[in-house]
C-alpha atoms as a PDB file:
ATOM      1  CA  UNK A   1       0.258  23.305  19.099  1.00  0.00           C
ATOM      2  CA  UNK A   2      -3.518  23.140  19.220  1.00  0.00           C
ATOM      3  CA  UNK A   3      -4.941  19.941  19.972  1.00  0.00           C
ATOM      4  CA  UNK A   4      -7.050  19.763  16.886  1.00  0.00           C
ATOM      5  CA  UNK A   5      -3.819  20.156  14.933  1.00  0.00           C
ATOM      6  CA  UNK A   6      -2.268  17.170  16.895  1.00  0.00           C
ATOM      7  CA  UNK A   7      -5.396  14.950  16.338  1.00  0.00           C
ATOM      8  CA  UNK A   8      -5.243  15.948  12.656  1.00  0.00           C
ATOM      9  CA  UNK A   9      -1.529  15.159  12.461  1.00  0.00           C
ATOM     10  CA  UNK A  10      -2.042  11.644  13.934  1.00  0.00           C
ATOM     11  CA  UNK A  11      -4.633  10.852  11.366  1.00  0.00           C
ATOM     12  CA  UNK A  12      -2.860  12.238   8.361  1.00  0.00           C
ATOM     13  CA  UNK A  13       0.107  10.361   9.067  1.00  0.00           C
ATOM     14  CA  UNK A  14      -1.633   7.136   9.533  1.00  0.00           C
ATOM     15  CA  UNK A  15      -3.600   7.690   6.219  1.00  0.00           C
ATOM     16  CA  UNK A  16      -0.404   8.481   4.419  1.00  0.00           C
ATOM     17  CA  UNK A  17       1.666   5.623   5.400  1.00  0.00           C
ATOM     18  CA  UNK A  18      -1.061   3.155   5.229  1.00  0.00           C
ATOM     19  CA  UNK A  19      -2.186   4.162   1.817  1.00  0.00           C
ATOM     20  CA  UNK A  20       1.354   4.055   0.675  1.00  0.00           C
ATOM     21  CA  UNK A  21       1.796   0.492   1.759  1.00  0.00           C
ATOM     22  CA  UNK A  22      -1.406  -0.479   0.056  1.00  0.00           C
ATOM     23  CA  UNK A  23      -0.215   1.322  -3.085  1.00  0.00           C
ATOM     24  CA  UNK A  24       3.032  -0.535  -2.956  1.00  0.00           C
ATOM     25  CA  UNK A  25       1.536  -4.015  -2.202  1.00  0.00           C
ATOM     26  CA  UNK A  26      -2.045  -4.384  -2.882  1.00  0.00           C
ATOM     27  CA  UNK A  27      -4.690  -6.746  -1.336  1.00  0.00           C
ATOM     28  CA  UNK A  28      -4.787  -9.516   1.111  1.00  0.00           C
ATOM     29  CA  UNK A  29      -2.922 -12.642   1.761  1.00  0.00           C
ATOM     30  CA  UNK A  30       0.611 -13.917   2.279  1.00  0.00           C
ATOM     31  CA  UNK A  31       3.374 -15.401   0.205  1.00  0.00           C
ATOM     32  CA  UNK A  32       2.452 -18.971   1.398  1.00  0.00           C
ATOM     33  CA  UNK A  33      -1.240 -18.619   0.250  1.00  0.00           C
ATOM     34  CA  UNK A  34      -2.140 -21.463  -2.304  1.00  0.00           C
ATOM     35  CA  UNK A  35      -5.992 -21.149  -2.840  1.00  0.00           C
ATOM     36  CA  UNK A  36      -6.675 -20.165  -6.632  1.00  0.00           C
ATOM     37  CA  UNK A  37      -9.720 -17.961  -6.581  1.00  0.00           C
ATOM     38  CA  UNK A  38      -9.485 -17.024 -10.384  1.00  0.00           C
ATOM     39  CA  UNK A  39     -12.600 -17.702 -12.451  1.00  0.00           C
ATOM     40  CA  UNK A  40     -12.871 -20.918 -14.284  1.00  0.00           C
ATOM     41  CA  UNK A  41     -11.124 -20.655 -17.597  1.00  0.00           C
ATOM     42  CA  UNK A  42     -13.232 -20.234 -20.702  1.00  0.00           C
ATOM     43  CA  UNK A  43     -12.755 -22.165 -23.894  1.00  0.00           C
ATOM     44  CA  UNK A  44     -10.096 -19.627 -25.017  1.00  0.00           C
ATOM     45  CA  UNK A  45      -6.525 -20.697 -25.388  1.00  0.00           C
ATOM     46  CA  UNK A  46      -5.297 -17.041 -25.149  1.00  0.00           C
ATOM     47  CA  UNK A  47      -7.186 -16.665 -21.842  1.00  0.00           C
ATOM     48  CA  UNK A  48      -5.885 -19.987 -20.510  1.00  0.00           C
ATOM     49  CA  UNK A  49      -2.409 -18.944 -21.419  1.00  0.00           C
ATOM     50  CA  UNK A  50      -2.716 -15.526 -19.612  1.00  0.00           C
ATOM     51  CA  UNK A  51      -4.059 -17.305 -16.506  1.00  0.00           C
ATOM     52  CA  UNK A  52      -1.190 -19.588 -16.426  1.00  0.00           C
ATOM     53  CA  UNK A  53       1.393 -16.892 -16.893  1.00  0.00           C
ATOM     54  CA  UNK A  54      -0.166 -14.737 -14.178  1.00  0.00           C
ATOM     55  CA  UNK A  55      -0.122 -17.772 -11.687  1.00  0.00           C
ATOM     56  CA  UNK A  56       3.532 -18.181 -12.587  1.00  0.00           C
ATOM     57  CA  UNK A  57       4.195 -14.357 -11.962  1.00  0.00           C
ATOM     58  CA  UNK A  58       2.206 -14.538  -8.537  1.00  0.00           C
ATOM     59  CA  UNK A  59       4.483 -17.395  -7.498  1.00  0.00           C
ATOM     60  CA  UNK A  60       7.761 -15.900  -8.647  1.00  0.00           C
ATOM     61  CA  UNK A  61       7.134 -12.405  -7.151  1.00  0.00           C
ATOM     62  CA  UNK A  62       5.925 -13.953  -3.846  1.00  0.00           C
ATOM     63  CA  UNK A  63       8.996 -16.009  -3.641  1.00  0.00           C
ATOM     64  CA  UNK A  64      11.158 -13.219  -4.311  1.00  0.00           C
ATOM     65  CA  UNK A  65      10.554 -11.730  -0.877  1.00  0.00           C
ATOM     66  CA  UNK A  66      11.934  -8.184  -1.389  1.00  0.00           C
ATOM     67  CA  UNK A  67      12.189  -5.506  -4.082  1.00  0.00           C
ATOM     68  CA  UNK A  68      12.888  -1.740  -4.448  1.00  0.00           C
ATOM     69  CA  UNK A  69       9.628   0.003  -4.820  1.00  0.00           C
ATOM     70  CA  UNK A  70       8.698   3.399  -6.580  1.00  0.00           C
ATOM     71  CA  UNK A  71       5.015   4.335  -6.375  1.00  0.00           C
ATOM     72  CA  UNK A  72       2.479   7.338  -6.741  1.00  0.00           C
ATOM     73  CA  UNK A  73      -1.044   7.480  -5.248  1.00  0.00           C
ATOM     74  CA  UNK A  74      -3.791   9.776  -5.923  1.00  0.00           C
ATOM     75  CA  UNK A  75      -6.875   9.861  -3.984  1.00  0.00           C
ATOM     76  CA  UNK A  76      -9.549  12.257  -4.878  1.00  0.00           C
ATOM     77  CA  UNK A  77      -9.042  15.755  -3.228  1.00  0.00           C
ATOM     78  CA  UNK A  78      -7.555  14.183  -0.131  1.00  0.00           C
ATOM     79  CA  UNK A  79      -4.134  13.549  -1.453  1.00  0.00           C
ATOM     80  CA  UNK A  80      -1.426  12.767  -3.942  1.00  0.00           C
ATOM     81  CA  UNK A  81       2.044  11.365  -2.912  1.00  0.00           C
ATOM     82  CA  UNK A  82       5.114   9.634  -4.073  1.00  0.00           C
ATOM     83  CA  UNK A  83       7.193   6.848  -2.385  1.00  0.00           C
ATOM     84  CA  UNK A  84      10.623   5.363  -2.827  1.00  0.00           C
ATOM     85  CA  UNK A  85      12.494   2.847  -0.994  1.00  0.00           C
ATOM     86  CA  UNK A  86      12.588  -0.952  -0.426  1.00  0.00           C
ATOM     87  CA  UNK A  87      10.077  -3.515   0.997  1.00  0.00           C
ATOM     88  CA  UNK A  88       9.999  -7.054   2.222  1.00  0.00           C
ATOM     89  CA  UNK A  89       7.114  -9.333   2.602  1.00  0.00           C
ATOM     90  CA  UNK A  90       8.171 -12.465   4.074  1.00  0.00           C
ATOM     91  CA  UNK A  91       6.349 -11.952   7.487  1.00  0.00           C
ATOM     92  CA  UNK A  92       4.028  -8.987   6.783  1.00  0.00           C
ATOM     93  CA  UNK A  93       5.484  -5.817   5.296  1.00  0.00           C
ATOM     94  CA  UNK A  94       8.909  -4.459   6.482  1.00  0.00           C
ATOM     95  CA  UNK A  95      11.202  -1.852   4.883  1.00  0.00           C
ATOM     96  CA  UNK A  96      11.559   1.906   4.640  1.00  0.00           C
ATOM     97  CA  UNK A  97       9.937   4.154   2.284  1.00  0.00           C
ATOM     98  CA  UNK A  98      10.390   7.950   1.754  1.00  0.00           C
ATOM     99  CA  UNK A  99       7.088   9.588   1.235  1.00  0.00           C
ATOM    100  CA  UNK A 100       6.669  13.039  -0.482  1.00  0.00           C
ATOM    101  CA  UNK A 101       3.254  14.735  -0.422  1.00  0.00           C
ATOM    102  CA  UNK A 102       2.558  16.575  -3.797  1.00  0.00           C
ATOM    103  CA  UNK A 103      -1.085  17.669  -3.410  1.00  0.00           C
ATOM    104  CA  UNK A 104      -4.431  17.459  -1.714  1.00  0.00           C
ATOM    105  CA  UNK A 105      -5.650  18.531   1.581  1.00  0.00           C
ATOM    106  CA  UNK A 106      -3.180  15.991   3.325  1.00  0.00           C
ATOM    107  CA  UNK A 107      -0.182  17.693   1.594  1.00  0.00           C
ATOM    108  CA  UNK A 108      -1.482  21.143   2.910  1.00  0.00           C
ATOM    109  CA  UNK A 109      -1.711  19.622   6.518  1.00  0.00           C
ATOM    110  CA  UNK A 110       1.770  18.163   6.452  1.00  0.00           C
ATOM    111  CA  UNK A 111       3.316  21.298   4.989  1.00  0.00           C
ATOM    112  CA  UNK A 112       1.784  23.241   7.786  1.00  0.00           C
ATOM    113  CA  UNK A 113       3.250  20.598  10.152  1.00  0.00           C
ATOM    114  CA  UNK A 114       6.635  21.342   8.573  1.00  0.00           C
ATOM    115  CA  UNK A 115       6.827  17.862   6.982  1.00  0.00           C
ATOM    116  CA  UNK A 116       6.340  17.959   3.404  1.00  0.00           C
ATOM    117  CA  UNK A 117       8.010  14.593   3.225  1.00  0.00           C
ATOM    118  CA  UNK A 118       8.867  11.995   5.819  1.00  0.00           C
ATOM    119  CA  UNK A 119      10.507   8.611   6.255  1.00  0.00           C
ATOM    120  CA  UNK A 120       8.091   5.598   7.068  1.00  0.00           C
ATOM    121  CA  UNK A 121       9.542   2.347   8.561  1.00  0.00           C
ATOM    122  CA  UNK A 122       7.400  -0.754   8.409  1.00  0.00           C
ATOM    123  CA  UNK A 123       8.073  -3.330  11.051  1.00  0.00           C
ATOM    124  CA  UNK A 124       5.906  -6.527  11.695  1.00  0.00           C
ATOM    125  CA  UNK A 125       4.119  -5.041  14.829  1.00  0.00           C
ATOM    126  CA  UNK A 126       4.012  -1.405  13.756  1.00  0.00           C
ATOM    127  CA  UNK A 127       5.022   1.366  11.522  1.00  0.00           C
ATOM    128  CA  UNK A 128       7.052   4.454  12.466  1.00  0.00           C
ATOM    129  CA  UNK A 129       6.683   7.915  10.905  1.00  0.00           C
ATOM    130  CA  UNK A 130       9.313  10.619  11.294  1.00  0.00           C
ATOM    131  CA  UNK A 131       7.913  14.122  11.532  1.00  0.00           C
ATOM    132  CA  UNK A 132       9.969  17.199  11.171  1.00  0.00           C
ATOM    133  CA  UNK A 133      11.560  19.454  13.868  1.00  0.00           C
ATOM    134  CA  UNK A 134       8.512  21.984  13.879  1.00  0.00           C
ATOM    135  CA  UNK A 135       6.378  19.035  14.926  1.00  0.00           C
ATOM    136  CA  UNK A 136       8.854  17.575  17.260  1.00  0.00           C
ATOM    137  CA  UNK A 137       8.936  21.162  18.983  1.00  0.00           C
ATOM    138  CA  UNK A 138       5.319  20.787  19.858  1.00  0.00           C
ATOM    139  CA  UNK A 139       5.342  17.016  20.656  1.00  0.00           C
ATOM    140  CA  UNK A 140       7.781  16.782  23.488  1.00  0.00           C
ATOM    141  CA  UNK A 141      10.996  16.991  21.332  1.00  0.00           C
ATOM    142  CA  UNK A 142      10.267  13.554  19.751  1.00  0.00           C
ATOM    143  CA  UNK A 143      10.343  13.087  15.930  1.00  0.00           C
ATOM    144  CA  UNK A 144       8.945   9.657  15.482  1.00  0.00           C
ATOM    145  CA  UNK A 145       5.297   8.442  15.751  1.00  0.00           C
ATOM    146  CA  UNK A 146       4.625   4.824  16.502  1.00  0.00           C
ATOM    147  CA  UNK A 147       1.575   3.246  14.932  1.00  0.00           C
ATOM    148  CA  UNK A 148       0.693  -0.164  16.360  1.00  0.00           C
ATOM    149  CA  UNK A 149      -1.242  -1.943  13.576  1.00  0.00           C
ATOM    150  CA  UNK A 150      -3.819  -2.855  16.432  1.00  0.00           C
ATOM    151  CA  UNK A 151      -4.374   0.698  17.050  1.00  0.00           C
ATOM    152  CA  UNK A 152      -5.323   1.711  13.438  1.00  0.00           C
ATOM    153  CA  UNK A 153      -8.962   0.705  13.853  1.00  0.00           C
ATOM    154  CA  UNK A 154      -9.667   2.873  16.860  1.00  0.00           C
ATOM    155  CA  UNK A 155      -7.782   5.718  15.240  1.00  0.00           C
ATOM    156  CA  UNK A 156      -9.532   5.704  11.822  1.00  0.00           C
ATOM    157  CA  UNK A 157     -12.877   4.138  12.802  1.00  0.00           C
ATOM    158  CA  UNK A 158     -14.271   1.503  10.360  1.00  0.00           C
ATOM    159  CA  UNK A 159     -11.708   2.190   7.741  1.00  0.00           C
ATOM    160  CA  UNK A 160      -9.006   1.579  10.279  1.00  0.00           C
ATOM    161  CA  UNK A 161      -9.707  -2.112  10.213  1.00  0.00           C
ATOM    162  CA  UNK A 162      -9.024  -2.201   6.567  1.00  0.00           C
ATOM    163  CA  UNK A 163      -5.812  -0.077   6.736  1.00  0.00           C
ATOM    164  CA  UNK A 164      -4.613  -2.452   9.536  1.00  0.00           C
ATOM    165  CA  UNK A 165      -5.125  -5.550   7.524  1.00  0.00           C
ATOM    166  CA  UNK A 166      -3.752  -4.062   4.445  1.00  0.00           C
ATOM    167  CA  UNK A 167      -0.569  -2.949   6.038  1.00  0.00           C
ATOM    168  CA  UNK A 168       0.082  -6.362   7.992  1.00  0.00           C
ATOM    169  CA  UNK A 169      -0.693  -8.714   5.043  1.00  0.00           C
ATOM    170  CA  UNK A 170      -0.116  -7.064   1.831  1.00  0.00           C
ATOM    171  CA  UNK A 171       2.554  -8.182  -0.698  1.00  0.00           C
ATOM    172  CA  UNK A 172       3.289  -6.972  -4.261  1.00  0.00           C
ATOM    173  CA  UNK A 173       2.280 -10.317  -5.980  1.00  0.00           C
ATOM    174  CA  UNK A 174      -1.292  -9.770  -4.626  1.00  0.00           C
ATOM    175  CA  UNK A 175      -1.935  -7.357  -7.537  1.00  0.00           C
ATOM    176  CA  UNK A 176      -1.253 -10.343  -9.854  1.00  0.00           C
ATOM    177  CA  UNK A 177      -3.577 -12.615  -7.787  1.00  0.00           C
ATOM    178  CA  UNK A 178      -6.377  -9.903  -7.727  1.00  0.00           C
ATOM    179  CA  UNK A 179      -6.298  -9.755 -11.610  1.00  0.00           C
ATOM    180  CA  UNK A 180      -6.730 -13.539 -11.705  1.00  0.00           C
ATOM    181  CA  UNK A 181     -10.252 -12.756 -10.263  1.00  0.00           C
ATOM    182  CA  UNK A 182     -11.106 -10.727 -13.536  1.00  0.00           C
ATOM    183  CA  UNK A 183     -13.738 -12.305 -15.664  1.00  0.00           C
ATOM    184  CA  UNK A 184     -12.429 -10.205 -18.632  1.00  0.00           C
ATOM    185  CA  UNK A 185      -8.779 -10.829 -18.148  1.00  0.00           C
ATOM    186  CA  UNK A 186      -6.707 -10.258 -21.362  1.00  0.00           C
ATOM    187  CA  UNK A 187      -3.220 -10.017 -22.677  1.00  0.00           C
ATOM    188  CA  UNK A 188      -2.596  -6.676 -24.017  1.00  0.00           C
ATOM    189  CA  UNK A 189       0.793  -7.429 -25.484  1.00  0.00           C
ATOM    190  CA  UNK A 190       4.436  -6.991 -25.295  1.00  0.00           C
ATOM    191  CA  UNK A 191       5.769  -3.411 -24.029  1.00  0.00           C
ATOM    192  CA  UNK A 192       8.766  -1.849 -22.649  1.00  0.00           C
ATOM    193  CA  UNK A 193       8.976  -0.665 -18.871  1.00  0.00           C
ATOM    194  CA  UNK A 194      11.947   1.349 -18.093  1.00  0.00           C
ATOM    195  CA  UNK A 195      14.028  -0.260 -20.588  1.00  0.00           C
ATOM    196  CA  UNK A 196      12.949  -3.861 -20.137  1.00  0.00           C
ATOM    197  CA  UNK A 197      10.617  -5.952 -22.168  1.00  0.00           C
ATOM    198  CA  UNK A 198       7.479  -7.081 -20.307  1.00  0.00           C
ATOM    199  CA  UNK A 199       4.072  -8.407 -21.021  1.00  0.00           C
ATOM    200  CA  UNK A 200       1.015  -6.383 -20.240  1.00  0.00           C
ATOM    201  CA  UNK A 201      -2.159  -8.052 -18.740  1.00  0.00           C
ATOM    202  CA  UNK A 202      -5.288  -6.122 -17.937  1.00  0.00           C
ATOM    203  CA  UNK A 203      -8.829  -6.686 -16.513  1.00  0.00           C
ATOM    204  CA  UNK A 204     -11.722  -5.383 -14.303  1.00  0.00           C
ATOM    205  CA  UNK A 205     -12.406  -6.930 -10.907  1.00  0.00           C
ATOM    206  CA  UNK A 206     -15.877  -6.710  -9.602  1.00  0.00           C
ATOM    207  CA  UNK A 207     -15.899  -6.805  -5.825  1.00  0.00           C
ATOM    208  CA  UNK A 208     -19.261  -8.879  -5.856  1.00  0.00           C
ATOM    209  CA  UNK A 209     -17.504 -11.583  -7.996  1.00  0.00           C
ATOM    210  CA  UNK A 210     -14.382 -11.981  -5.759  1.00  0.00           C
ATOM    211  CA  UNK A 211     -14.468 -15.421  -4.091  1.00  0.00           C
ATOM    212  CA  UNK A 212     -11.681 -14.750  -1.557  1.00  0.00           C
ATOM    213  CA  UNK A 213     -13.606 -13.534   1.518  1.00  0.00           C
ATOM    214  CA  UNK A 214     -10.652 -11.190   2.902  1.00  0.00           C
ATOM    215  CA  UNK A 215     -10.145  -9.552  -0.529  1.00  0.00           C
ATOM    216  CA  UNK A 216     -13.930  -8.981  -1.014  1.00  0.00           C
ATOM    217  CA  UNK A 217     -14.069  -7.458   2.334  1.00  0.00           C
ATOM    218  CA  UNK A 218     -11.166  -4.964   1.714  1.00  0.00           C
ATOM    219  CA  UNK A 219     -12.923  -3.928  -1.537  1.00  0.00           C
ATOM    220  CA  UNK A 220     -16.343  -3.468  -0.053  1.00  0.00           C
ATOM    221  CA  UNK A 221     -15.192  -1.610   3.023  1.00  0.00           C
ATOM    222  CA  UNK A 222     -13.384   0.867   0.930  1.00  0.00           C
ATOM    223  CA  UNK A 223     -16.554   1.398  -1.051  1.00  0.00           C
ATOM    224  CA  UNK A 224     -15.165  -0.141  -4.286  1.00  0.00           C
ATOM    225  CA  UNK A 225     -17.645  -1.921  -6.544  1.00  0.00           C
ATOM    226  CA  UNK A 226     -15.068  -2.405  -9.377  1.00  0.00           C
ATOM    227  CA  UNK A 227     -11.490  -1.960 -10.074  1.00  0.00           C
ATOM    228  CA  UNK A 228      -9.227  -2.056 -13.109  1.00  0.00           C
ATOM    229  CA  UNK A 229      -6.108  -3.743 -12.723  1.00  0.00           C
ATOM    230  CA  UNK A 230      -2.969  -3.625 -15.125  1.00  0.00           C
ATOM    231  CA  UNK A 231       0.315  -5.409 -14.424  1.00  0.00           C
ATOM    232  CA  UNK A 232       3.472  -5.866 -16.374  1.00  0.00           C
ATOM    233  CA  UNK A 233       5.490  -9.060 -15.974  1.00  0.00           C
ATOM    234  CA  UNK A 234       9.052  -9.580 -17.218  1.00  0.00           C
ATOM    235  CA  UNK A 235      10.750 -12.731 -18.742  1.00  0.00           C
ATOM    236  CA  UNK A 236      11.672 -13.890 -15.209  1.00  0.00           C
ATOM    237  CA  UNK A 237       7.953 -13.855 -14.493  1.00  0.00           C
ATOM    238  CA  UNK A 238       8.327 -10.974 -11.938  1.00  0.00           C
ATOM    239  CA  UNK A 239       6.075  -7.980 -11.510  1.00  0.00           C
ATOM    240  CA  UNK A 240       7.742  -4.895 -12.732  1.00  0.00           C
ATOM    241  CA  UNK A 241       4.786  -2.500 -12.854  1.00  0.00           C
ATOM    242  CA  UNK A 242       1.021  -2.320 -11.703  1.00  0.00           C
ATOM    243  CA  UNK A 243      -1.557   0.234 -12.081  1.00  0.00           C
ATOM    244  CA  UNK A 244      -4.937   0.056 -10.180  1.00  0.00           C
ATOM    245  CA  UNK A 245      -7.822   2.299 -10.566  1.00  0.00           C
ATOM    246  CA  UNK A 246     -11.073   2.616  -8.594  1.00  0.00           C
ATOM    247  CA  UNK A 247     -13.783   4.633  -7.237  1.00  0.00           C
ATOM    248  CA  UNK A 248     -13.851   4.763  -3.272  1.00  0.00           C
ATOM    249  CA  UNK A 249     -15.948   6.292  -0.754  1.00  0.00           C
ATOM    250  CA  UNK A 250     -13.313   8.936  -0.377  1.00  0.00           C
ATOM    251  CA  UNK A 251     -12.956   9.480  -4.166  1.00  0.00           C
ATOM    252  CA  UNK A 252     -11.359   8.237  -7.306  1.00  0.00           C
ATOM    253  CA  UNK A 253      -8.228   6.325  -6.567  1.00  0.00           C
ATOM    254  CA  UNK A 254      -5.276   5.678  -8.870  1.00  0.00           C
ATOM    255  CA  UNK A 255      -2.025   3.624  -7.659  1.00  0.00           C
ATOM    256  CA  UNK A 256       0.991   3.022  -9.826  1.00  0.00           C
ATOM    257  CA  UNK A 257       4.069   1.264  -8.718  1.00  0.00           C
ATOM    258  CA  UNK A 258       7.209   0.056 -10.273  1.00  0.00           C
ATOM    259  CA  UNK A 259       9.388  -2.813  -8.786  1.00  0.00           C
ATOM    260  CA  UNK A 260      13.016  -3.820  -9.493  1.00  0.00           C
ATOM    261  CA  UNK A 261      16.072  -5.152  -7.667  1.00  0.00           C
ATOM    262  CA  UNK A 262      14.282  -8.293  -6.512  1.00  0.00           C
ATOM    263  CA  UNK A 263      15.985  -9.959  -3.587  1.00  0.00           C
ATOM    264  CA  UNK A 264      17.591  -6.638  -2.383  1.00  0.00           C
ATOM    265  CA  UNK A 265      18.520  -6.548   1.428  1.00  0.00           C
ATOM    266  CA  UNK A 266      15.700  -4.757   3.293  1.00  0.00           C
ATOM    267  CA  UNK A 267      16.186  -3.266   6.797  1.00  0.00           C
ATOM    268  CA  UNK A 268      13.900  -1.213   9.018  1.00  0.00           C
ATOM    269  CA  UNK A 269      15.532  -0.440  12.292  1.00  0.00           C
ATOM    270  CA  UNK A 270      13.244   0.597  15.249  1.00  0.00           C
ATOM    271  CA  UNK A 271      13.806   4.183  16.018  1.00  0.00           C
ATOM    272  CA  UNK A 272      15.122   5.221  19.561  1.00  0.00           C
ATOM    273  CA  UNK A 273      12.625   4.975  22.219  1.00  0.00           C
ATOM    274  CA  UNK A 274      13.670   8.528  23.488  1.00  0.00           C
ATOM    275  CA  UNK A 275      12.795  10.133  20.123  1.00  0.00           C
ATOM    276  CA  UNK A 276       9.509   8.147  19.588  1.00  0.00           C
ATOM    277  CA  UNK A 277       5.969   9.022  20.801  1.00  0.00           C
ATOM    278  CA  UNK A 278       3.168   6.418  20.622  1.00  0.00           C
ATOM    279  CA  UNK A 279       0.150   7.609  18.730  1.00  0.00           C
ATOM    280  CA  UNK A 280      -2.154   6.821  21.719  1.00  0.00           C
ATOM    281  CA  UNK A 281       0.093   9.119  23.759  1.00  0.00           C
ATOM    282  CA  UNK A 282      -0.196  11.828  21.056  1.00  0.00           C
ATOM    283  CA  UNK A 283      -4.013  11.582  20.775  1.00  0.00           C
ATOM    284  CA  UNK A 284      -3.981  11.747  24.733  1.00  0.00           C
ATOM    285  CA  UNK A 285      -2.350  15.016  24.689  1.00  0.00           C
ATOM    286  CA  UNK A 286      -5.528  16.584  23.178  1.00  0.00           C
ATOM    287  CA  UNK A 287      -7.077  17.263  26.473  1.00  0.00           C
ATOM    288  CA  UNK A 288      -3.969  18.856  27.899  1.00  0.00           C
ATOM    289  CA  UNK A 289      -2.405  20.697  25.045  1.00  0.00           C
ATOM    290  CA  UNK A 290      -3.276  24.389  24.822  1.00  0.00           C
END
């Protein structure tokens, strides 16, 4: 395998798994975060009720700890993909997702590598991506690539720090907390999400108006000036769907995720060491691979 292909593979898998984690669990923070960075309520009983409902949803969803996730992500001409699996967020993101590439230059790259879909395992210190047999034949017979979160910054330059922070600290209820920072938050109404009744809330978040330093940094480093956020909350105050749209430095981004089976048991076993290659080792092969 040519060195440029190995290099491209490492970066492609890093982007795919990181963006999928972000799609499933957006923004910074942890379940124990308590500061409320939402705008001051206006003299609008409807708005005050919406703020209260979203605070309850952020609390309930954060406490749930785990859920099944089904998401789609589209980012300009770079990629479109789907993800299915279960994630936990008690101590960073943990769990297992199956990623399927459906379009864009990233999908073309992964198909050439013989990996149109892959399994991604998220652990507290790193995530692991399982490549196909075609890739393994050219990578010392090993299928799994290990990405330590600390290595993402070096791998992806300035955006790597953003991906690192997202993957280590993101949780589903952060989409609700992000919406609390919207100055035009509104209750859209009652709707049905996959057969369940839920309340739809919507708003636009301007990066310059976000008071949470970590969240504002994530938005600005991704080139996002404004983002529209829609969430659907069920009668148990749990997030069942979210849609986020923004223009980024890479192109227009749309992320949609559905959540159910809160409290499900989540596992992510560390792959066998003998079948795993660290991304730093993979990148080091560039100078020696013909």
